[in-house]
């Protein structure tokens, strides 16, 4: 093996190690607030769910007057999806 080849290999390994270390630090900084961000998202989903429940109540009252159930059925499908999302979180 040529002496410069060994030095070049050592430099390459050092540079690669430095790049991997920098990426790990950036990743750690990026996910530092992930739990807090997740709590914010769950809070927003909970508020959205409550809004949908209120809207469902208003639509139900309106449907009693008009006899139209399609909007309420569609809203039930959306709410089911939201409830599933909240259970996953």
C-alpha atoms as a PDB file:
ATOM      1  CA  UNK A   1       0.000   0.000   0.000  1.00  0.00           C
ATOM      2  CA  UNK A   2       1.299   3.449  -0.862  1.00  0.00           C
ATOM      3  CA  UNK A   3       1.871   5.821   2.053  1.00  0.00           C
ATOM      4  CA  UNK A   4      -0.326   8.513   0.538  1.00  0.00           C
ATOM      5  CA  UNK A   5      -3.079   5.984  -0.011  1.00  0.00           C
ATOM      6  CA  UNK A   6      -3.159   5.151   3.690  1.00  0.00           C
ATOM      7  CA  UNK A   7      -3.220   8.854   4.600  1.00  0.00           C
ATOM      8  CA  UNK A   8      -5.962   9.531   2.049  1.00  0.00           C
ATOM      9  CA  UNK A   9      -8.002   6.655   3.464  1.00  0.00           C
ATOM     10  CA  UNK A  10      -7.570   7.960   6.996  1.00  0.00           C
ATOM     11  CA  UNK A  11      -8.627  11.456   5.910  1.00  0.00           C
ATOM     12  CA  UNK A  12     -11.672  10.043   4.108  1.00  0.00           C
ATOM     13  CA  UNK A  13     -12.707   8.057   7.187  1.00  0.00           C
ATOM     14  CA  UNK A  14     -12.262  11.143   9.364  1.00  0.00           C
ATOM     15  CA  UNK A  15     -14.364  13.277   6.991  1.00  0.00           C
ATOM     16  CA  UNK A  16     -17.079  10.635   6.812  1.00  0.00           C
ATOM     17  CA  UNK A  17     -17.111  10.366  10.609  1.00  0.00           C
ATOM     18  CA  UNK A  18     -17.391  14.142  10.865  1.00  0.00           C
ATOM     19  CA  UNK A  19     -20.288  14.263   8.379  1.00  0.00           C
ATOM     20  CA  UNK A  20     -22.172  11.472  10.167  1.00  0.00           C
ATOM     21  CA  UNK A  21     -21.622  13.208  13.502  1.00  0.00           C
ATOM     22  CA  UNK A  22     -22.945  16.507  12.124  1.00  0.00           C
ATOM     23  CA  UNK A  23     -26.036  14.786  10.706  1.00  0.00           C
ATOM     24  CA  UNK A  24     -26.700  13.134  14.076  1.00  0.00           C
ATOM     25  CA  UNK A  25     -26.460  16.491  15.851  1.00  0.00           C
ATOM     26  CA  UNK A  26     -28.820  18.123  13.331  1.00  0.00           C
ATOM     27  CA  UNK A  27     -31.284  15.234  13.708  1.00  0.00           C
ATOM     28  CA  UNK A  28     -31.162  15.480  17.497  1.00  0.00           C
ATOM     29  CA  UNK A  29     -31.830  19.214  17.326  1.00  0.00           C
ATOM     30  CA  UNK A  30     -34.688  18.657  14.881  1.00  0.00           C
ATOM     31  CA  UNK A  31     -36.528  16.126  17.045  1.00  0.00           C
ATOM     32  CA  UNK A  32     -35.818  17.908  20.296  1.00  0.00           C
ATOM     33  CA  UNK A  33     -39.324  19.433  20.406  1.00  0.00           C
ATOM     34  CA  UNK A  34     -41.101  16.541  18.699  1.00  0.00           C
ATOM     35  CA  UNK A  35     -43.057  15.548  21.813  1.00  0.00           C
ATOM     36  CA  UNK A  36     -44.253  19.112  22.350  1.00  0.00           C
ATOM     37  CA  UNK A  37     -45.219  19.398  18.674  1.00  0.00           C
ATOM     38  CA  UNK A  38     -47.101  16.098  18.929  1.00  0.00           C
ATOM     39  CA  UNK A  39     -49.031  17.410  21.936  1.00  0.00           C
ATOM     40  CA  UNK A  40     -49.956  20.534  19.953  1.00  0.00           C
ATOM     41  CA  UNK A  41     -51.230  18.423  17.045  1.00  0.00           C
ATOM     42  CA  UNK A  42     -53.263  16.207  19.382  1.00  0.00           C
ATOM     43  CA  UNK A  43     -54.758  19.318  20.994  1.00  0.00           C
ATOM     44  CA  UNK A  44     -55.722  20.703  17.596  1.00  0.00           C
ATOM     45  CA  UNK A  45     -57.288  17.387  16.591  1.00  0.00           C
ATOM     46  CA  UNK A  46     -59.243  17.330  19.844  1.00  0.00           C
ATOM     47  CA  UNK A  47     -60.572  20.854  19.210  1.00  0.00           C
ATOM     48  CA  UNK A  48     -61.443  19.874  15.638  1.00  0.00           C
ATOM     49  CA  UNK A  49     -63.273  16.809  16.926  1.00  0.00           C
ATOM     50  CA  UNK A  50     -65.301  18.940  19.348  1.00  0.00           C
ATOM     51  CA  UNK A  51     -66.167  21.343  16.516  1.00  0.00           C
ATOM     52  CA  UNK A  52     -67.382  18.432  14.419  1.00  0.00           C
ATOM     53  CA  UNK A  53     -69.537  17.200  17.290  1.00  0.00           C
ATOM     54  CA  UNK A  54     -71.074  20.679  17.642  1.00  0.00           C
ATOM     55  CA  UNK A  55     -71.652  20.851  13.885  1.00  0.00           C
ATOM     56  CA  UNK A  56     -73.261  17.413  13.955  1.00  0.00           C
ATOM     57  CA  UNK A  57     -75.658  18.626  16.636  1.00  0.00           C
ATOM     58  CA  UNK A  58     -76.593  21.677  14.576  1.00  0.00           C
ATOM     59  CA  UNK A  59     -77.084  19.573  11.434  1.00  0.00           C
ATOM     60  CA  UNK A  60     -79.210  17.087  13.353  1.00  0.00           C
ATOM     61  CA  UNK A  61     -81.496  19.897  14.508  1.00  0.00           C
ATOM     62  CA  UNK A  62     -81.670  21.285  10.964  1.00  0.00           C
ATOM     63  CA  UNK A  63     -82.414  17.836   9.516  1.00  0.00           C
ATOM     64  CA  UNK A  64     -85.373  17.415  11.832  1.00  0.00           C
ATOM     65  CA  UNK A  65     -86.872  20.490  10.191  1.00  0.00           C
ATOM     66  CA  UNK A  66     -85.993  19.577   6.578  1.00  0.00           C
ATOM     67  CA  UNK A  67     -85.779  15.773   6.612  1.00  0.00           C
ATOM     68  CA  UNK A  68     -82.344  15.723   4.856  1.00  0.00           C
ATOM     69  CA  UNK A  69     -79.830  13.169   6.181  1.00  0.00           C
ATOM     70  CA  UNK A  70     -77.052  13.163   3.538  1.00  0.00           C
ATOM     71  CA  UNK A  71     -74.983  15.942   5.180  1.00  0.00           C
ATOM     72  CA  UNK A  72     -75.216  14.284   8.562  1.00  0.00           C
ATOM     73  CA  UNK A  73     -74.189  10.889   7.155  1.00  0.00           C
ATOM     74  CA  UNK A  74     -71.165  12.460   5.434  1.00  0.00           C
ATOM     75  CA  UNK A  75     -70.197  14.228   8.646  1.00  0.00           C
ATOM     76  CA  UNK A  76     -70.423  10.921  10.531  1.00  0.00           C
ATOM     77  CA  UNK A  77     -67.875   9.432   8.101  1.00  0.00           C
ATOM     78  CA  UNK A  78     -65.499  12.373   8.640  1.00  0.00           C
ATOM     79  CA  UNK A  79     -65.885  12.128  12.400  1.00  0.00           C
ATOM     80  CA  UNK A  80     -65.201   8.395  12.367  1.00  0.00           C
ATOM     81  CA  UNK A  81     -61.931   9.075  10.552  1.00  0.00           C
ATOM     82  CA  UNK A  82     -61.020  11.800  13.048  1.00  0.00           C
ATOM     83  CA  UNK A  83     -61.732   9.530  16.011  1.00  0.00           C
ATOM     84  CA  UNK A  84     -59.515   6.834  14.481  1.00  0.00           C
ATOM     85  CA  UNK A  85     -56.725   9.389  14.027  1.00  0.00           C
ATOM     86  CA  UNK A  86     -56.990  10.438  17.656  1.00  0.00           C
ATOM     87  CA  UNK A  87     -56.908   6.840  18.875  1.00  0.00           C
ATOM     88  CA  UNK A  88     -53.724   6.202  16.873  1.00  0.00           C
ATOM     89  CA  UNK A  89     -52.010   9.194  18.470  1.00  0.00           C
END
